[in-house]
């Protein structure tokens, strides 16, 4: 994150819980009346309570709002977060969702639910450089993988790569998943072997049948357009649905991942029930290695997300999975 993002997040994390709840709802489009009803319904002065918290929020962010006049502070605050801390806003969206807007209510950023439609698609080897270039925007040198390595993984198992297209056919997100074999997984999970050292030969190909103990999957990369709350939510829905699809053919009880960004770490812990498996201090890449046990989830991973988190439920219809021949894994 940039220094400005760090500053915004640092202030956010110091806010009292109730004040943060008010700010969260302002950022995702709640009106003062809606916030009053949800957070202060037992108070006769509920509107005044929200107003008081807003004044305190403006005071907390006064250094960022010093050029804003009193009437536009809320708009300036929202724009500040959307422009400078999009990953934080995305996390807030996923955590609490946004309200249903009435047709007559003014929309600062518009009702995005009707403007974005996505499809999941296979990735060709020729498209690997495009995905590699997209990833370069989000990961540092250590976490950014070379085109040559990605191409070798794709040759080994094309099922490992999937892209998400918008209604205009533009790539707006992608993910990479791997099945490291037992010979390498132990040293990889401990951090003795780094992700960029995973040769194609250490990955179970689509032609091979995994051993009984190889009931795990490693999430290598998830990329959604920076700042796009709907896009980020939908790429995670695509990943969840794709993992559910794979589980119909292969036994997958555990998920593993490292967190290259703070937002990624928060999403894993909050939404996918990941637990720390190997701490960063014990790994060569200085990154925490996480594990999730899918047997603890009673439904499919996709259903777990849409039943548990409002934003996933709201945007689940934005992804069309009916074109199965374009995205389903072949084993």
C-alpha atoms as a PDB file:
ATOM      1  CA  UNK A   1       0.000   0.000   0.000  1.00  0.00           C
ATOM      2  CA  UNK A   2       1.054   3.603  -0.475  1.00  0.00           C
ATOM      3  CA  UNK A   3       1.886   5.850   2.466  1.00  0.00           C
ATOM      4  CA  UNK A   4      -1.436   7.657   2.067  1.00  0.00           C
ATOM      5  CA  UNK A   5      -3.305   4.345   2.175  1.00  0.00           C
ATOM      6  CA  UNK A   6      -1.390   3.439   5.307  1.00  0.00           C
ATOM      7  CA  UNK A   7      -2.339   6.751   6.916  1.00  0.00           C
ATOM      8  CA  UNK A   8      -6.022   6.337   6.068  1.00  0.00           C
ATOM      9  CA  UNK A   9      -6.067   2.765   7.346  1.00  0.00           C
ATOM     10  CA  UNK A  10      -4.197   3.702  10.536  1.00  0.00           C
ATOM     11  CA  UNK A  11      -6.828   6.314  11.409  1.00  0.00           C
ATOM     12  CA  UNK A  12      -9.590   3.846  10.546  1.00  0.00           C
ATOM     13  CA  UNK A  13      -8.155   1.181  12.848  1.00  0.00           C
ATOM     14  CA  UNK A  14      -7.972   3.620  15.777  1.00  0.00           C
ATOM     15  CA  UNK A  15     -11.663   4.538  15.558  1.00  0.00           C
ATOM     16  CA  UNK A  16     -13.963   3.251  18.311  1.00  0.00           C
ATOM     17  CA  UNK A  17     -16.005   0.284  17.084  1.00  0.00           C
ATOM     18  CA  UNK A  18     -19.325   2.117  16.908  1.00  0.00           C
ATOM     19  CA  UNK A  19     -17.831   5.070  15.052  1.00  0.00           C
ATOM     20  CA  UNK A  20     -16.203   2.664  12.610  1.00  0.00           C
ATOM     21  CA  UNK A  21     -19.594   0.995  12.069  1.00  0.00           C
ATOM     22  CA  UNK A  22     -21.044   4.383  11.141  1.00  0.00           C
ATOM     23  CA  UNK A  23     -18.176   5.115   8.745  1.00  0.00           C
ATOM     24  CA  UNK A  24     -18.478   1.675   7.119  1.00  0.00           C
ATOM     25  CA  UNK A  25     -22.106   2.306   6.286  1.00  0.00           C
ATOM     26  CA  UNK A  26     -21.457   5.784   4.959  1.00  0.00           C
ATOM     27  CA  UNK A  27     -18.825   4.337   2.611  1.00  0.00           C
ATOM     28  CA  UNK A  28     -21.129   1.682   1.154  1.00  0.00           C
ATOM     29  CA  UNK A  29     -24.084   3.998   0.607  1.00  0.00           C
ATOM     30  CA  UNK A  30     -26.272   3.971   3.709  1.00  0.00           C
ATOM     31  CA  UNK A  31     -28.252   7.140   4.394  1.00  0.00           C
ATOM     32  CA  UNK A  32     -28.198   8.769   7.834  1.00  0.00           C
ATOM     33  CA  UNK A  33     -31.731   7.479   8.381  1.00  0.00           C
ATOM     34  CA  UNK A  34     -30.723   3.918   7.505  1.00  0.00           C
ATOM     35  CA  UNK A  35     -27.723   4.046   9.830  1.00  0.00           C
ATOM     36  CA  UNK A  36     -29.883   5.443  12.631  1.00  0.00           C
ATOM     37  CA  UNK A  37     -32.405   2.628  12.181  1.00  0.00           C
ATOM     38  CA  UNK A  38     -29.741  -0.092  12.092  1.00  0.00           C
ATOM     39  CA  UNK A  39     -27.317   1.068  14.780  1.00  0.00           C
ATOM     40  CA  UNK A  40     -29.392   3.293  17.087  1.00  0.00           C
ATOM     41  CA  UNK A  41     -32.931   1.951  16.754  1.00  0.00           C
ATOM     42  CA  UNK A  42     -33.358   1.885  20.523  1.00  0.00           C
ATOM     43  CA  UNK A  43     -32.617   5.610  20.863  1.00  0.00           C
ATOM     44  CA  UNK A  44     -35.175   8.377  20.430  1.00  0.00           C
ATOM     45  CA  UNK A  45     -32.376  10.683  19.261  1.00  0.00           C
ATOM     46  CA  UNK A  46     -31.049   8.131  16.737  1.00  0.00           C
ATOM     47  CA  UNK A  47     -30.526  10.715  13.951  1.00  0.00           C
ATOM     48  CA  UNK A  48     -28.643  12.978  16.339  1.00  0.00           C
ATOM     49  CA  UNK A  49     -26.434  10.021  17.334  1.00  0.00           C
ATOM     50  CA  UNK A  50     -25.408   9.439  13.718  1.00  0.00           C
ATOM     51  CA  UNK A  51     -24.773  13.148  13.191  1.00  0.00           C
ATOM     52  CA  UNK A  52     -22.605  13.278  16.304  1.00  0.00           C
ATOM     53  CA  UNK A  53     -20.533  10.329  15.114  1.00  0.00           C
ATOM     54  CA  UNK A  54     -20.154  11.909  11.688  1.00  0.00           C
ATOM     55  CA  UNK A  55     -18.767  15.075  13.232  1.00  0.00           C
ATOM     56  CA  UNK A  56     -16.234  12.995  15.135  1.00  0.00           C
ATOM     57  CA  UNK A  57     -15.285  11.083  11.975  1.00  0.00           C
ATOM     58  CA  UNK A  58     -14.675  14.382  10.178  1.00  0.00           C
ATOM     59  CA  UNK A  59     -12.517  15.461  13.101  1.00  0.00           C
ATOM     60  CA  UNK A  60     -10.543  12.210  12.960  1.00  0.00           C
ATOM     61  CA  UNK A  61      -9.920  12.766   9.256  1.00  0.00           C
ATOM     62  CA  UNK A  62      -9.498  16.543   9.445  1.00  0.00           C
ATOM     63  CA  UNK A  63      -6.038  16.436   7.848  1.00  0.00           C
ATOM     64  CA  UNK A  64      -7.544  14.747   4.793  1.00  0.00           C
ATOM     65  CA  UNK A  65     -10.619  17.017   4.685  1.00  0.00           C
ATOM     66  CA  UNK A  66      -8.979  20.372   5.349  1.00  0.00           C
ATOM     67  CA  UNK A  67      -9.913  21.685   1.885  1.00  0.00           C
ATOM     68  CA  UNK A  68     -13.519  20.498   2.050  1.00  0.00           C
ATOM     69  CA  UNK A  69     -16.335  22.837   2.985  1.00  0.00           C
ATOM     70  CA  UNK A  70     -18.832  21.630   5.632  1.00  0.00           C
ATOM     71  CA  UNK A  71     -21.487  20.697   3.084  1.00  0.00           C
ATOM     72  CA  UNK A  72     -19.202  18.437   1.041  1.00  0.00           C
ATOM     73  CA  UNK A  73     -17.193  16.693   3.763  1.00  0.00           C
ATOM     74  CA  UNK A  74     -19.077  13.430   3.376  1.00  0.00           C
ATOM     75  CA  UNK A  75     -18.517  13.339  -0.384  1.00  0.00           C
ATOM     76  CA  UNK A  76     -14.838  14.209   0.060  1.00  0.00           C
ATOM     77  CA  UNK A  77     -14.459  11.448   2.639  1.00  0.00           C
ATOM     78  CA  UNK A  78     -16.058   8.840   0.380  1.00  0.00           C
ATOM     79  CA  UNK A  79     -13.973   9.861  -2.623  1.00  0.00           C
ATOM     80  CA  UNK A  80     -10.843   9.814  -0.470  1.00  0.00           C
ATOM     81  CA  UNK A  81     -11.437   6.192   0.547  1.00  0.00           C
ATOM     82  CA  UNK A  82     -12.430   5.022  -2.925  1.00  0.00           C
ATOM     83  CA  UNK A  83      -9.409   6.654  -4.568  1.00  0.00           C
ATOM     84  CA  UNK A  84      -6.736   6.034  -1.954  1.00  0.00           C
ATOM     85  CA  UNK A  85      -7.786   2.930   0.010  1.00  0.00           C
ATOM     86  CA  UNK A  86      -9.805   0.764  -2.417  1.00  0.00           C
ATOM     87  CA  UNK A  87      -8.756  -2.520  -0.806  1.00  0.00           C
ATOM     88  CA  UNK A  88     -10.108  -1.324   2.536  1.00  0.00           C
ATOM     89  CA  UNK A  89     -13.397  -0.284   0.927  1.00  0.00           C
ATOM     90  CA  UNK A  90     -13.597  -3.678  -0.810  1.00  0.00           C
ATOM     91  CA  UNK A  91     -13.200  -5.416   2.531  1.00  0.00           C
ATOM     92  CA  UNK A  92     -15.972  -3.263   4.034  1.00  0.00           C
ATOM     93  CA  UNK A  93     -18.279  -4.071   1.111  1.00  0.00           C
ATOM     94  CA  UNK A  94     -17.723  -7.793   1.559  1.00  0.00           C
ATOM     95  CA  UNK A  95     -18.210  -7.590   5.331  1.00  0.00           C
ATOM     96  CA  UNK A  96     -21.501  -5.673   5.465  1.00  0.00           C
ATOM     97  CA  UNK A  97     -22.723  -5.225   1.893  1.00  0.00           C
ATOM     98  CA  UNK A  98     -24.585  -2.151   0.755  1.00  0.00           C
ATOM     99  CA  UNK A  99     -28.277  -1.260   1.096  1.00  0.00           C
ATOM    100  CA  UNK A 100     -30.887  -1.615  -1.595  1.00  0.00           C
ATOM    101  CA  UNK A 101     -31.356   1.792  -3.130  1.00  0.00           C
ATOM    102  CA  UNK A 102     -34.758   3.211  -3.958  1.00  0.00           C
ATOM    103  CA  UNK A 103     -35.294   4.379  -7.504  1.00  0.00           C
ATOM    104  CA  UNK A 104     -35.490   8.019  -6.435  1.00  0.00           C
ATOM    105  CA  UNK A 105     -32.508   8.069  -4.064  1.00  0.00           C
ATOM    106  CA  UNK A 106     -29.486   9.960  -5.453  1.00  0.00           C
ATOM    107  CA  UNK A 107     -26.475   7.734  -6.096  1.00  0.00           C
ATOM    108  CA  UNK A 108     -22.986   9.176  -5.665  1.00  0.00           C
ATOM    109  CA  UNK A 109     -21.348   6.272  -7.470  1.00  0.00           C
ATOM    110  CA  UNK A 110     -24.409   4.647  -8.993  1.00  0.00           C
ATOM    111  CA  UNK A 111     -26.019   1.292  -8.360  1.00  0.00           C
ATOM    112  CA  UNK A 112     -23.311  -0.992  -9.670  1.00  0.00           C
ATOM    113  CA  UNK A 113     -25.395  -4.159  -9.541  1.00  0.00           C
ATOM    114  CA  UNK A 114     -26.975  -3.500 -12.929  1.00  0.00           C
ATOM    115  CA  UNK A 115     -23.827  -2.389 -14.735  1.00  0.00           C
ATOM    116  CA  UNK A 116     -21.454  -5.333 -14.350  1.00  0.00           C
ATOM    117  CA  UNK A 117     -21.945  -8.806 -15.786  1.00  0.00           C
ATOM    118  CA  UNK A 118     -19.152 -11.341 -15.729  1.00  0.00           C
ATOM    119  CA  UNK A 119     -18.292 -14.758 -17.105  1.00  0.00           C
ATOM    120  CA  UNK A 120     -15.566 -17.207 -16.124  1.00  0.00           C
ATOM    121  CA  UNK A 121     -13.378 -18.502 -18.959  1.00  0.00           C
ATOM    122  CA  UNK A 122     -10.421 -20.764 -19.603  1.00  0.00           C
ATOM    123  CA  UNK A 123      -7.020 -19.182 -20.177  1.00  0.00           C
ATOM    124  CA  UNK A 124      -4.919 -19.956 -23.233  1.00  0.00           C
ATOM    125  CA  UNK A 125      -1.129 -20.160 -23.039  1.00  0.00           C
ATOM    126  CA  UNK A 126      -0.920 -17.096 -25.287  1.00  0.00           C
ATOM    127  CA  UNK A 127      -2.766 -15.044 -22.672  1.00  0.00           C
ATOM    128  CA  UNK A 128      -0.273 -15.748 -19.874  1.00  0.00           C
ATOM    129  CA  UNK A 129       1.780 -12.569 -20.579  1.00  0.00           C
ATOM    130  CA  UNK A 130      -1.420 -10.503 -20.245  1.00  0.00           C
ATOM    131  CA  UNK A 131      -2.168 -12.007 -16.850  1.00  0.00           C
ATOM    132  CA  UNK A 132       1.451 -11.609 -15.781  1.00  0.00           C
ATOM    133  CA  UNK A 133       1.308  -7.911 -16.666  1.00  0.00           C
ATOM    134  CA  UNK A 134      -1.917  -7.497 -14.669  1.00  0.00           C
ATOM    135  CA  UNK A 135      -0.328  -9.104 -11.638  1.00  0.00           C
ATOM    136  CA  UNK A 136       2.650  -6.762 -11.847  1.00  0.00           C
ATOM    137  CA  UNK A 137       0.403  -3.926 -10.646  1.00  0.00           C
ATOM    138  CA  UNK A 138      -0.409  -5.624  -7.354  1.00  0.00           C
ATOM    139  CA  UNK A 139       2.571  -7.688  -6.224  1.00  0.00           C
ATOM    140  CA  UNK A 140       6.142  -6.842  -5.321  1.00  0.00           C
ATOM    141  CA  UNK A 141       9.128  -8.445  -7.017  1.00  0.00           C
ATOM    142  CA  UNK A 142       9.194 -11.380  -4.609  1.00  0.00           C
ATOM    143  CA  UNK A 143       5.554 -12.321  -5.188  1.00  0.00           C
ATOM    144  CA  UNK A 144       5.363 -11.455  -8.866  1.00  0.00           C
ATOM    145  CA  UNK A 145       5.960 -14.639 -10.841  1.00  0.00           C
ATOM    146  CA  UNK A 146       7.721 -14.782 -14.209  1.00  0.00           C
ATOM    147  CA  UNK A 147       5.907 -15.423 -17.476  1.00  0.00           C
ATOM    148  CA  UNK A 148       8.113 -18.442 -18.130  1.00  0.00           C
ATOM    149  CA  UNK A 149       7.143 -20.045 -14.830  1.00  0.00           C
ATOM    150  CA  UNK A 150       3.430 -19.380 -15.359  1.00  0.00           C
ATOM    151  CA  UNK A 151       3.620 -20.821 -18.867  1.00  0.00           C
ATOM    152  CA  UNK A 152       5.224 -23.999 -17.507  1.00  0.00           C
ATOM    153  CA  UNK A 153       2.434 -24.361 -14.951  1.00  0.00           C
ATOM    154  CA  UNK A 154      -0.185 -23.825 -17.645  1.00  0.00           C
ATOM    155  CA  UNK A 155       1.372 -26.480 -19.851  1.00  0.00           C
ATOM    156  CA  UNK A 156       1.329 -28.887 -16.917  1.00  0.00           C
ATOM    157  CA  UNK A 157      -2.321 -28.191 -16.053  1.00  0.00           C
ATOM    158  CA  UNK A 158      -4.430 -25.630 -17.969  1.00  0.00           C
ATOM    159  CA  UNK A 159      -7.155 -26.133 -15.339  1.00  0.00           C
ATOM    160  CA  UNK A 160      -5.004 -24.117 -12.939  1.00  0.00           C
ATOM    161  CA  UNK A 161      -5.768 -20.834 -14.721  1.00  0.00           C
ATOM    162  CA  UNK A 162      -9.104 -19.078 -15.093  1.00  0.00           C
ATOM    163  CA  UNK A 163      -9.955 -15.506 -16.113  1.00  0.00           C
ATOM    164  CA  UNK A 164     -13.049 -13.391 -15.533  1.00  0.00           C
ATOM    165  CA  UNK A 165     -14.357 -11.301 -18.422  1.00  0.00           C
ATOM    166  CA  UNK A 166     -16.755  -8.375 -18.243  1.00  0.00           C
ATOM    167  CA  UNK A 167     -19.668  -7.947 -20.632  1.00  0.00           C
ATOM    168  CA  UNK A 168     -17.338  -6.280 -23.156  1.00  0.00           C
ATOM    169  CA  UNK A 169     -14.990  -9.266 -23.185  1.00  0.00           C
ATOM    170  CA  UNK A 170     -12.195  -7.515 -21.276  1.00  0.00           C
ATOM    171  CA  UNK A 171     -10.180  -9.444 -18.688  1.00  0.00           C
ATOM    172  CA  UNK A 172     -10.941  -7.859 -15.312  1.00  0.00           C
ATOM    173  CA  UNK A 173      -9.678 -10.594 -13.016  1.00  0.00           C
ATOM    174  CA  UNK A 174      -8.031 -13.991 -12.856  1.00  0.00           C
ATOM    175  CA  UNK A 175      -6.849 -16.646 -10.442  1.00  0.00           C
ATOM    176  CA  UNK A 176      -4.280 -19.435 -10.395  1.00  0.00           C
ATOM    177  CA  UNK A 177      -4.598 -22.599  -8.331  1.00  0.00           C
ATOM    178  CA  UNK A 178      -2.098 -25.452  -8.047  1.00  0.00           C
ATOM    179  CA  UNK A 179      -1.925 -29.035  -6.825  1.00  0.00           C
ATOM    180  CA  UNK A 180       1.649 -29.417  -5.495  1.00  0.00           C
ATOM    181  CA  UNK A 181       2.534 -33.088  -5.071  1.00  0.00           C
ATOM    182  CA  UNK A 182       3.535 -34.630  -1.753  1.00  0.00           C
ATOM    183  CA  UNK A 183       7.209 -34.660  -2.689  1.00  0.00           C
ATOM    184  CA  UNK A 184       7.335 -30.852  -2.652  1.00  0.00           C
ATOM    185  CA  UNK A 185       4.394 -29.809  -0.498  1.00  0.00           C
ATOM    186  CA  UNK A 186       6.043 -30.387   2.863  1.00  0.00           C
ATOM    187  CA  UNK A 187       9.026 -28.130   2.119  1.00  0.00           C
ATOM    188  CA  UNK A 188       6.765 -25.627   0.349  1.00  0.00           C
ATOM    189  CA  UNK A 189       4.312 -25.327   3.243  1.00  0.00           C
ATOM    190  CA  UNK A 190       7.197 -24.931   5.714  1.00  0.00           C
ATOM    191  CA  UNK A 191       8.723 -22.206   3.561  1.00  0.00           C
ATOM    192  CA  UNK A 192      11.918 -24.049   2.643  1.00  0.00           C
ATOM    193  CA  UNK A 193      10.792 -23.997  -0.986  1.00  0.00           C
ATOM    194  CA  UNK A 194       9.405 -20.753  -2.416  1.00  0.00           C
ATOM    195  CA  UNK A 195       6.485 -20.409  -4.802  1.00  0.00           C
ATOM    196  CA  UNK A 196       8.726 -19.204  -7.605  1.00  0.00           C
ATOM    197  CA  UNK A 197      10.743 -22.417  -7.157  1.00  0.00           C
ATOM    198  CA  UNK A 198       7.758 -24.679  -7.834  1.00  0.00           C
ATOM    199  CA  UNK A 199       8.702 -26.422 -11.046  1.00  0.00           C
ATOM    200  CA  UNK A 200       5.999 -27.767 -13.317  1.00  0.00           C
ATOM    201  CA  UNK A 201       7.163 -31.305 -12.507  1.00  0.00           C
ATOM    202  CA  UNK A 202       6.198 -30.751  -8.847  1.00  0.00           C
ATOM    203  CA  UNK A 203       2.574 -30.044  -9.794  1.00  0.00           C
ATOM    204  CA  UNK A 204      -0.038 -32.764 -10.267  1.00  0.00           C
ATOM    205  CA  UNK A 205      -1.190 -32.489 -13.857  1.00  0.00           C
ATOM    206  CA  UNK A 206      -4.722 -32.831 -15.126  1.00  0.00           C
ATOM    207  CA  UNK A 207      -3.838 -36.309 -16.445  1.00  0.00           C
ATOM    208  CA  UNK A 208      -2.632 -37.640 -13.084  1.00  0.00           C
ATOM    209  CA  UNK A 209      -4.706 -39.092 -10.287  1.00  0.00           C
ATOM    210  CA  UNK A 210      -3.743 -37.573  -6.913  1.00  0.00           C
ATOM    211  CA  UNK A 211      -2.806 -39.835  -4.023  1.00  0.00           C
ATOM    212  CA  UNK A 212      -5.255 -40.136  -1.150  1.00  0.00           C
ATOM    213  CA  UNK A 213      -3.154 -37.765   0.987  1.00  0.00           C
ATOM    214  CA  UNK A 214      -3.050 -35.150  -1.759  1.00  0.00           C
ATOM    215  CA  UNK A 215      -6.450 -33.757  -0.842  1.00  0.00           C
ATOM    216  CA  UNK A 216      -5.381 -30.110  -0.909  1.00  0.00           C
ATOM    217  CA  UNK A 217      -5.187 -27.182  -3.266  1.00  0.00           C
ATOM    218  CA  UNK A 218      -2.923 -24.124  -3.219  1.00  0.00           C
ATOM    219  CA  UNK A 219      -4.338 -20.720  -4.204  1.00  0.00           C
ATOM    220  CA  UNK A 220      -1.447 -18.982  -5.918  1.00  0.00           C
ATOM    221  CA  UNK A 221      -2.908 -15.756  -7.327  1.00  0.00           C
ATOM    222  CA  UNK A 222      -6.205 -13.873  -7.147  1.00  0.00           C
ATOM    223  CA  UNK A 223      -6.411 -10.575  -9.033  1.00  0.00           C
ATOM    224  CA  UNK A 224      -9.398  -8.282  -9.465  1.00  0.00           C
ATOM    225  CA  UNK A 225      -9.275  -4.752 -10.800  1.00  0.00           C
ATOM    226  CA  UNK A 226      -7.988  -2.413  -8.117  1.00  0.00           C
ATOM    227  CA  UNK A 227     -10.769  -0.409  -6.527  1.00  0.00           C
ATOM    228  CA  UNK A 228     -13.599  -2.374  -8.127  1.00  0.00           C
ATOM    229  CA  UNK A 229     -15.727  -3.651  -5.270  1.00  0.00           C
ATOM    230  CA  UNK A 230     -18.097  -5.576  -7.528  1.00  0.00           C
ATOM    231  CA  UNK A 231     -15.205  -7.014  -9.534  1.00  0.00           C
ATOM    232  CA  UNK A 232     -13.281  -8.071  -6.440  1.00  0.00           C
ATOM    233  CA  UNK A 233     -16.359  -9.707  -4.957  1.00  0.00           C
ATOM    234  CA  UNK A 234     -17.186 -11.548  -8.174  1.00  0.00           C
ATOM    235  CA  UNK A 235     -13.676 -12.918  -8.772  1.00  0.00           C
ATOM    236  CA  UNK A 236     -13.862 -14.468  -5.301  1.00  0.00           C
ATOM    237  CA  UNK A 237     -17.261 -15.947  -6.164  1.00  0.00           C
ATOM    238  CA  UNK A 238     -15.741 -17.349  -9.357  1.00  0.00           C
ATOM    239  CA  UNK A 239     -12.900 -18.906  -7.384  1.00  0.00           C
ATOM    240  CA  UNK A 240     -15.293 -20.442  -4.852  1.00  0.00           C
ATOM    241  CA  UNK A 241     -17.560 -21.890  -7.530  1.00  0.00           C
ATOM    242  CA  UNK A 242     -14.588 -23.242  -9.471  1.00  0.00           C
ATOM    243  CA  UNK A 243     -13.187 -24.978  -6.390  1.00  0.00           C
ATOM    244  CA  UNK A 244     -16.626 -26.497  -5.774  1.00  0.00           C
ATOM    245  CA  UNK A 245     -16.615 -27.728  -9.371  1.00  0.00           C
ATOM    246  CA  UNK A 246     -13.171 -29.320  -8.991  1.00  0.00           C
ATOM    247  CA  UNK A 247     -14.307 -31.061  -5.816  1.00  0.00           C
ATOM    248  CA  UNK A 248     -16.805 -32.997  -7.923  1.00  0.00           C
ATOM    249  CA  UNK A 249     -13.868 -34.710  -9.664  1.00  0.00           C
ATOM    250  CA  UNK A 250     -11.029 -34.475  -7.173  1.00  0.00           C
ATOM    251  CA  UNK A 251     -10.994 -34.796  -3.418  1.00  0.00           C
ATOM    252  CA  UNK A 252     -10.155 -31.343  -2.039  1.00  0.00           C
ATOM    253  CA  UNK A 253     -10.577 -30.955   1.708  1.00  0.00           C
ATOM    254  CA  UNK A 254      -7.986 -28.286   2.423  1.00  0.00           C
ATOM    255  CA  UNK A 255      -7.004 -24.978   0.894  1.00  0.00           C
ATOM    256  CA  UNK A 256      -3.637 -23.277   1.331  1.00  0.00           C
ATOM    257  CA  UNK A 257      -2.474 -19.781   0.467  1.00  0.00           C
ATOM    258  CA  UNK A 258       0.043 -17.096   1.350  1.00  0.00           C
ATOM    259  CA  UNK A 259      -0.975 -13.458   1.745  1.00  0.00           C
ATOM    260  CA  UNK A 260       0.994 -11.055  -0.427  1.00  0.00           C
ATOM    261  CA  UNK A 261      -1.139  -8.076   0.670  1.00  0.00           C
ATOM    262  CA  UNK A 262      -2.887  -6.972   3.866  1.00  0.00           C
ATOM    263  CA  UNK A 263      -6.233  -7.076   2.065  1.00  0.00           C
ATOM    264  CA  UNK A 264      -5.594 -10.652   1.006  1.00  0.00           C
ATOM    265  CA  UNK A 265      -4.736 -11.660   4.544  1.00  0.00           C
ATOM    266  CA  UNK A 266      -7.905 -10.084   5.903  1.00  0.00           C
ATOM    267  CA  UNK A 267     -10.077 -11.730   3.257  1.00  0.00           C
ATOM    268  CA  UNK A 268      -8.656 -15.153   3.999  1.00  0.00           C
ATOM    269  CA  UNK A 269      -9.175 -14.847   7.718  1.00  0.00           C
ATOM    270  CA  UNK A 270     -12.581 -13.165   7.595  1.00  0.00           C
ATOM    271  CA  UNK A 271     -14.257 -14.838   4.611  1.00  0.00           C
ATOM    272  CA  UNK A 272     -12.563 -18.148   3.862  1.00  0.00           C
ATOM    273  CA  UNK A 273     -11.866 -19.298   7.451  1.00  0.00           C
ATOM    274  CA  UNK A 274      -8.124 -19.635   6.924  1.00  0.00           C
ATOM    275  CA  UNK A 275      -5.896 -20.328   9.932  1.00  0.00           C
ATOM    276  CA  UNK A 276      -2.189 -19.710  10.291  1.00  0.00           C
ATOM    277  CA  UNK A 277      -0.304 -22.856   9.276  1.00  0.00           C
ATOM    278  CA  UNK A 278       3.310 -21.653   9.145  1.00  0.00           C
ATOM    279  CA  UNK A 279       4.220 -18.189  10.509  1.00  0.00           C
ATOM    280  CA  UNK A 280       6.221 -15.792   8.370  1.00  0.00           C
ATOM    281  CA  UNK A 281       9.186 -15.902  10.757  1.00  0.00           C
ATOM    282  CA  UNK A 282       9.741 -19.569   9.873  1.00  0.00           C
ATOM    283  CA  UNK A 283       9.580 -19.108   6.094  1.00  0.00           C
ATOM    284  CA  UNK A 284      12.179 -17.919   3.590  1.00  0.00           C
ATOM    285  CA  UNK A 285       9.680 -15.567   1.948  1.00  0.00           C
ATOM    286  CA  UNK A 286       8.726 -13.946   5.302  1.00  0.00           C
ATOM    287  CA  UNK A 287       5.029 -14.476   4.538  1.00  0.00           C
ATOM    288  CA  UNK A 288       2.414 -16.274   6.611  1.00  0.00           C
ATOM    289  CA  UNK A 289       1.164 -19.545   5.145  1.00  0.00           C
ATOM    290  CA  UNK A 290      -2.532 -20.249   5.776  1.00  0.00           C
ATOM    291  CA  UNK A 291      -4.772 -23.318   5.780  1.00  0.00           C
ATOM    292  CA  UNK A 292      -8.557 -23.715   5.508  1.00  0.00           C
ATOM    293  CA  UNK A 293     -10.415 -26.937   6.277  1.00  0.00           C
ATOM    294  CA  UNK A 294     -13.359 -27.258   3.889  1.00  0.00           C
ATOM    295  CA  UNK A 295     -14.821 -30.139   5.892  1.00  0.00           C
ATOM    296  CA  UNK A 296     -15.806 -27.549   8.516  1.00  0.00           C
ATOM    297  CA  UNK A 297     -18.136 -25.863   6.008  1.00  0.00           C
ATOM    298  CA  UNK A 298     -21.460 -27.681   5.764  1.00  0.00           C
ATOM    299  CA  UNK A 299     -22.395 -26.262   2.351  1.00  0.00           C
ATOM    300  CA  UNK A 300     -20.426 -25.625  -0.825  1.00  0.00           C
ATOM    301  CA  UNK A 301     -17.856 -22.868  -0.586  1.00  0.00           C
ATOM    302  CA  UNK A 302     -19.931 -20.723  -2.961  1.00  0.00           C
ATOM    303  CA  UNK A 303     -23.078 -21.115  -0.859  1.00  0.00           C
ATOM    304  CA  UNK A 304     -21.115 -20.426   2.313  1.00  0.00           C
ATOM    305  CA  UNK A 305     -20.031 -17.052   0.945  1.00  0.00           C
ATOM    306  CA  UNK A 306     -23.437 -15.895  -0.287  1.00  0.00           C
ATOM    307  CA  UNK A 307     -25.212 -17.083   2.866  1.00  0.00           C
ATOM    308  CA  UNK A 308     -22.707 -15.540   5.250  1.00  0.00           C
ATOM    309  CA  UNK A 309     -21.752 -12.204   3.682  1.00  0.00           C
ATOM    310  CA  UNK A 310     -24.237  -9.654   2.278  1.00  0.00           C
ATOM    311  CA  UNK A 311     -22.025  -8.435  -0.568  1.00  0.00           C
ATOM    312  CA  UNK A 312     -21.464 -11.940  -1.937  1.00  0.00           C
ATOM    313  CA  UNK A 313     -25.199 -12.538  -1.840  1.00  0.00           C
ATOM    314  CA  UNK A 314     -25.983  -9.246  -3.531  1.00  0.00           C
ATOM    315  CA  UNK A 315     -23.533  -9.721  -6.404  1.00  0.00           C
ATOM    316  CA  UNK A 316     -23.875 -13.473  -6.924  1.00  0.00           C
ATOM    317  CA  UNK A 317     -26.231 -12.862  -9.840  1.00  0.00           C
ATOM    318  CA  UNK A 318     -23.623 -10.678 -11.566  1.00  0.00           C
ATOM    319  CA  UNK A 319     -21.666 -13.776 -12.600  1.00  0.00           C
ATOM    320  CA  UNK A 320     -23.110 -16.026 -15.306  1.00  0.00           C
ATOM    321  CA  UNK A 321     -21.839 -19.586 -14.905  1.00  0.00           C
ATOM    322  CA  UNK A 322     -24.157 -21.077 -17.532  1.00  0.00           C
ATOM    323  CA  UNK A 323     -21.386 -21.226 -20.180  1.00  0.00           C
ATOM    324  CA  UNK A 324     -19.893 -24.324 -18.567  1.00  0.00           C
ATOM    325  CA  UNK A 325     -18.012 -25.431 -21.673  1.00  0.00           C
ATOM    326  CA  UNK A 326     -16.007 -22.212 -21.424  1.00  0.00           C
ATOM    327  CA  UNK A 327     -14.777 -22.650 -17.858  1.00  0.00           C
ATOM    328  CA  UNK A 328     -15.329 -26.095 -16.310  1.00  0.00           C
ATOM    329  CA  UNK A 329     -12.241 -28.073 -15.350  1.00  0.00           C
ATOM    330  CA  UNK A 330     -11.483 -31.253 -17.335  1.00  0.00           C
ATOM    331  CA  UNK A 331      -9.974 -34.163 -15.410  1.00  0.00           C
END
